[in-house]
Amino acid sequence: MELPPDVAELFNTFVSLANLNHLHELDWNRFYEFIIGCYRSDVNLSEPELQNLLVTKNFEREYARDIAHIYTHGRDLLKFI
């Protein structure tokens, strides 16, 4: 899936600075900004889509799956605001 430019920028910032083995606080903050950007731009990735995007950026498949699952929870929370 091709992301809109503003969301792609947030994603690329997140993945280019992230610790690929264990996300740190700043990594999580950038990931949350990505989730919010998706929400604002009406981009609703499925877990497998995000997992695949993360794997293409060198995240281990299992870790990418976990992060994609957290993305889904974040999107679900934003439905209540």
N, C-alpha and C. Protein backbone atom coordinates (compact mmCIF):
# COMPACT_ATOMS: atom_id res chain seq x y z
N MET A 1 0.84 -1.19 0.00
CA MET A 1 0.00 0.00 0.00
C MET A 1 0.88 1.24 0.00
N GLU A 2 0.53 2.18 -0.84
CA GLU A 2 1.26 3.44 -0.89
C GLU A 2 0.60 4.43 0.06
N LEU A 3 1.41 5.02 0.94
CA LEU A 3 0.91 5.97 1.92
C LEU A 3 0.89 7.37 1.34
N PRO A 4 -0.07 8.20 1.75
CA PRO A 4 -0.05 9.61 1.34
C PRO A 4 1.26 10.25 1.82
N PRO A 5 1.73 11.28 1.15
CA PRO A 5 3.03 11.87 1.48
C PRO A 5 3.20 12.26 2.95
N ASP A 6 2.18 12.85 3.55
CA ASP A 6 2.33 13.28 4.95
C ASP A 6 2.46 12.08 5.89
N VAL A 7 1.71 11.03 5.62
CA VAL A 7 1.78 9.82 6.44
C VAL A 7 3.08 9.06 6.15
N ALA A 8 3.49 9.03 4.90
CA ALA A 8 4.74 8.37 4.53
C ALA A 8 5.92 9.03 5.24
N GLU A 9 5.88 10.34 5.36
CA GLU A 9 6.95 11.06 6.07
C GLU A 9 6.99 10.64 7.54
N LEU A 10 5.83 10.54 8.18
CA LEU A 10 5.79 10.11 9.58
C LEU A 10 6.30 8.67 9.71
N PHE A 11 5.88 7.80 8.80
CA PHE A 11 6.34 6.42 8.83
C PHE A 11 7.85 6.34 8.64
N ASN A 12 8.35 7.05 7.65
CA ASN A 12 9.79 7.01 7.37
C ASN A 12 10.61 7.58 8.51
N THR A 13 10.12 8.62 9.15
CA THR A 13 10.82 9.16 10.32
C THR A 13 10.87 8.11 11.42
N PHE A 14 9.73 7.47 11.67
CA PHE A 14 9.68 6.43 12.69
C PHE A 14 10.68 5.32 12.38
N VAL A 15 10.60 4.73 11.20
CA VAL A 15 11.44 3.55 10.91
C VAL A 15 12.92 3.90 10.77
N SER A 16 13.22 5.10 10.31
CA SER A 16 14.63 5.44 10.12
C SER A 16 15.34 5.69 11.45
N LEU A 17 14.59 6.07 12.48
CA LEU A 17 15.20 6.36 13.77
C LEU A 17 14.96 5.28 14.82
N ALA A 18 14.11 4.32 14.51
CA ALA A 18 13.71 3.32 15.51
C ALA A 18 14.81 2.29 15.78
N ASN A 19 14.87 1.87 17.03
CA ASN A 19 15.67 0.72 17.40
C ASN A 19 14.89 -0.50 16.95
N LEU A 20 15.44 -1.28 16.05
CA LEU A 20 14.70 -2.37 15.43
C LEU A 20 14.46 -3.56 16.36
N ASN A 21 15.17 -3.61 17.46
CA ASN A 21 15.03 -4.74 18.37
C ASN A 21 14.14 -4.46 19.57
N HIS A 22 14.11 -3.23 19.99
CA HIS A 22 13.34 -2.87 21.18
C HIS A 22 13.08 -1.36 21.12
N LEU A 23 11.84 -0.98 20.86
CA LEU A 23 11.52 0.44 20.74
C LEU A 23 11.69 1.15 22.07
N HIS A 24 12.26 2.32 22.00
CA HIS A 24 12.45 3.15 23.18
C HIS A 24 11.37 4.22 23.21
N GLU A 25 11.35 5.01 24.26
CA GLU A 25 10.29 6.01 24.46
C GLU A 25 10.14 6.94 23.26
N LEU A 26 11.23 7.46 22.76
CA LEU A 26 11.14 8.37 21.60
C LEU A 26 10.65 7.64 20.36
N ASP A 27 11.04 6.38 20.23
CA ASP A 27 10.54 5.57 19.11
C ASP A 27 9.02 5.43 19.20
N TRP A 28 8.54 5.11 20.40
CA TRP A 28 7.09 4.97 20.60
C TRP A 28 6.39 6.28 20.31
N ASN A 29 6.96 7.40 20.72
CA ASN A 29 6.33 8.70 20.45
C ASN A 29 6.20 8.93 18.95
N ARG A 30 7.25 8.60 18.19
CA ARG A 30 7.18 8.76 16.73
C ARG A 30 6.15 7.80 16.14
N PHE A 31 6.04 6.60 16.71
CA PHE A 31 5.05 5.65 16.23
C PHE A 31 3.64 6.16 16.51
N TYR A 32 3.43 6.73 17.68
CA TYR A 32 2.11 7.30 18.01
C TYR A 32 1.78 8.46 17.07
N GLU A 33 2.78 9.27 16.72
CA GLU A 33 2.55 10.35 15.76
C GLU A 33 2.12 9.76 14.41
N PHE A 34 2.72 8.65 14.03
CA PHE A 34 2.33 7.96 12.80
C PHE A 34 0.88 7.49 12.88
N ILE A 35 0.49 6.90 13.99
CA ILE A 35 -0.89 6.44 14.17
C ILE A 35 -1.86 7.62 14.05
N ILE A 36 -1.53 8.72 14.71
CA ILE A 36 -2.39 9.90 14.65
C ILE A 36 -2.44 10.44 13.22
N GLY A 37 -1.31 10.44 12.54
CA GLY A 37 -1.29 10.88 11.15
C GLY A 37 -2.17 10.02 10.26
N CYS A 38 -2.14 8.71 10.48
CA CYS A 38 -3.02 7.81 9.73
C CYS A 38 -4.48 8.15 10.01
N TYR A 39 -4.79 8.36 11.25
CA TYR A 39 -6.16 8.69 11.65
C TYR A 39 -6.63 9.98 10.97
N ARG A 40 -5.80 11.00 11.03
CA ARG A 40 -6.17 12.30 10.45
C ARG A 40 -6.29 12.25 8.93
N SER A 41 -5.50 11.40 8.31
CA SER A 41 -5.52 11.28 6.84
C SER A 41 -6.44 10.17 6.36
N ASP A 42 -7.17 9.57 7.28
CA ASP A 42 -8.10 8.49 6.97
C ASP A 42 -7.41 7.31 6.28
N VAL A 43 -6.20 7.00 6.76
CA VAL A 43 -5.46 5.85 6.29
C VAL A 43 -5.64 4.76 7.34
N ASN A 44 -6.28 3.68 6.96
CA ASN A 44 -6.55 2.60 7.91
C ASN A 44 -5.88 1.33 7.41
N LEU A 45 -4.61 1.17 7.77
CA LEU A 45 -3.87 -0.01 7.37
C LEU A 45 -4.37 -1.23 8.14
N SER A 46 -4.38 -2.36 7.50
CA SER A 46 -4.64 -3.60 8.22
C SER A 46 -3.35 -4.00 8.93
N GLU A 47 -3.49 -4.88 9.91
CA GLU A 47 -2.29 -5.35 10.60
C GLU A 47 -1.30 -6.00 9.64
N PRO A 48 -1.75 -6.88 8.74
CA PRO A 48 -0.79 -7.47 7.80
C PRO A 48 -0.12 -6.43 6.88
N GLU A 49 -0.85 -5.42 6.47
CA GLU A 49 -0.25 -4.38 5.62
C GLU A 49 0.86 -3.65 6.37
N LEU A 50 0.59 -3.25 7.61
CA LEU A 50 1.61 -2.54 8.37
C LEU A 50 2.77 -3.47 8.70
N GLN A 51 2.46 -4.70 9.04
CA GLN A 51 3.53 -5.66 9.33
C GLN A 51 4.45 -5.78 8.12
N ASN A 52 3.89 -5.91 6.94
CA ASN A 52 4.71 -6.03 5.73
C ASN A 52 5.53 -4.77 5.47
N LEU A 53 4.94 -3.60 5.71
CA LEU A 53 5.70 -2.37 5.55
C LEU A 53 6.89 -2.33 6.51
N LEU A 54 6.67 -2.77 7.75
CA LEU A 54 7.75 -2.77 8.73
C LEU A 54 8.84 -3.79 8.37
N VAL A 55 8.42 -4.94 7.87
CA VAL A 55 9.39 -5.96 7.47
C VAL A 55 10.26 -5.44 6.33
N THR A 56 9.67 -4.68 5.40
CA THR A 56 10.47 -4.12 4.29
C THR A 56 11.49 -3.11 4.80
N LYS A 57 11.29 -2.64 6.04
CA LYS A 57 12.22 -1.68 6.65
C LYS A 57 13.09 -2.36 7.71
N ASN A 58 13.23 -3.67 7.58
CA ASN A 58 14.17 -4.47 8.37
C ASN A 58 13.73 -4.82 9.78
N PHE A 59 12.46 -4.68 10.11
CA PHE A 59 11.97 -5.19 11.38
C PHE A 59 11.78 -6.71 11.24
N GLU A 60 12.08 -7.43 12.31
CA GLU A 60 11.81 -8.87 12.33
C GLU A 60 10.29 -9.07 12.21
N ARG A 61 9.88 -10.11 11.50
CA ARG A 61 8.46 -10.35 11.22
C ARG A 61 7.62 -10.40 12.50
N GLU A 62 8.08 -11.10 13.53
CA GLU A 62 7.30 -11.23 14.76
C GLU A 62 7.17 -9.89 15.48
N TYR A 63 8.27 -9.14 15.52
CA TYR A 63 8.24 -7.83 16.17
C TYR A 63 7.34 -6.88 15.37
N ALA A 64 7.41 -6.95 14.05
CA ALA A 64 6.55 -6.13 13.20
C ALA A 64 5.09 -6.47 13.44
N ARG A 65 4.79 -7.75 13.63
CA ARG A 65 3.42 -8.18 13.92
C ARG A 65 2.93 -7.55 15.23
N ASP A 66 3.79 -7.56 16.25
CA ASP A 66 3.42 -6.97 17.55
C ASP A 66 3.16 -5.46 17.42
N ILE A 67 4.02 -4.78 16.69
CA ILE A 67 3.86 -3.33 16.50
C ILE A 67 2.58 -3.05 15.71
N ALA A 68 2.32 -3.84 14.70
CA ALA A 68 1.10 -3.66 13.91
C ALA A 68 -0.15 -3.87 14.77
N HIS A 69 -0.07 -4.79 15.71
CA HIS A 69 -1.19 -5.03 16.62
C HIS A 69 -1.41 -3.81 17.52
N ILE A 70 -0.35 -3.21 17.96
CA ILE A 70 -0.46 -1.99 18.78
C ILE A 70 -1.05 -0.86 17.95
N TYR A 71 -0.69 -0.78 16.68
CA TYR A 71 -1.27 0.21 15.77
C TYR A 71 -2.80 0.08 15.76
N THR A 72 -3.28 -1.15 15.66
CA THR A 72 -4.73 -1.39 15.63
C THR A 72 -5.38 -0.89 16.91
N HIS A 73 -4.76 -1.15 18.03
CA HIS A 73 -5.30 -0.66 19.31
C HIS A 73 -5.33 0.87 19.34
N GLY A 74 -4.26 1.47 18.84
CA GLY A 74 -4.21 2.94 18.79
C GLY A 74 -5.31 3.51 17.92
N ARG A 75 -5.50 2.91 16.77
CA ARG A 75 -6.60 3.37 15.88
C ARG A 75 -7.94 3.19 16.55
N ASP A 76 -8.14 2.07 17.25
CA ASP A 76 -9.40 1.83 17.95
C ASP A 76 -9.64 2.87 19.03
N LEU A 77 -8.61 3.25 19.75
CA LEU A 77 -8.76 4.27 20.79
C LEU A 77 -9.17 5.62 20.20
N LEU A 78 -8.62 5.94 19.05
CA LEU A 78 -8.92 7.23 18.44
C LEU A 78 -10.36 7.35 17.98
N LYS A 79 -11.06 6.24 17.87
CA LYS A 79 -12.48 6.28 17.51
C LYS A 79 -13.32 6.96 18.60
N PHE A 80 -12.78 7.05 19.81
CA PHE A 80 -13.54 7.57 20.93
C PHE A 80 -13.29 9.05 21.19
N ILE A 81 -12.52 9.70 20.34
CA ILE A 81 -12.30 11.14 20.56
C ILE A 81 -13.11 11.95 19.56
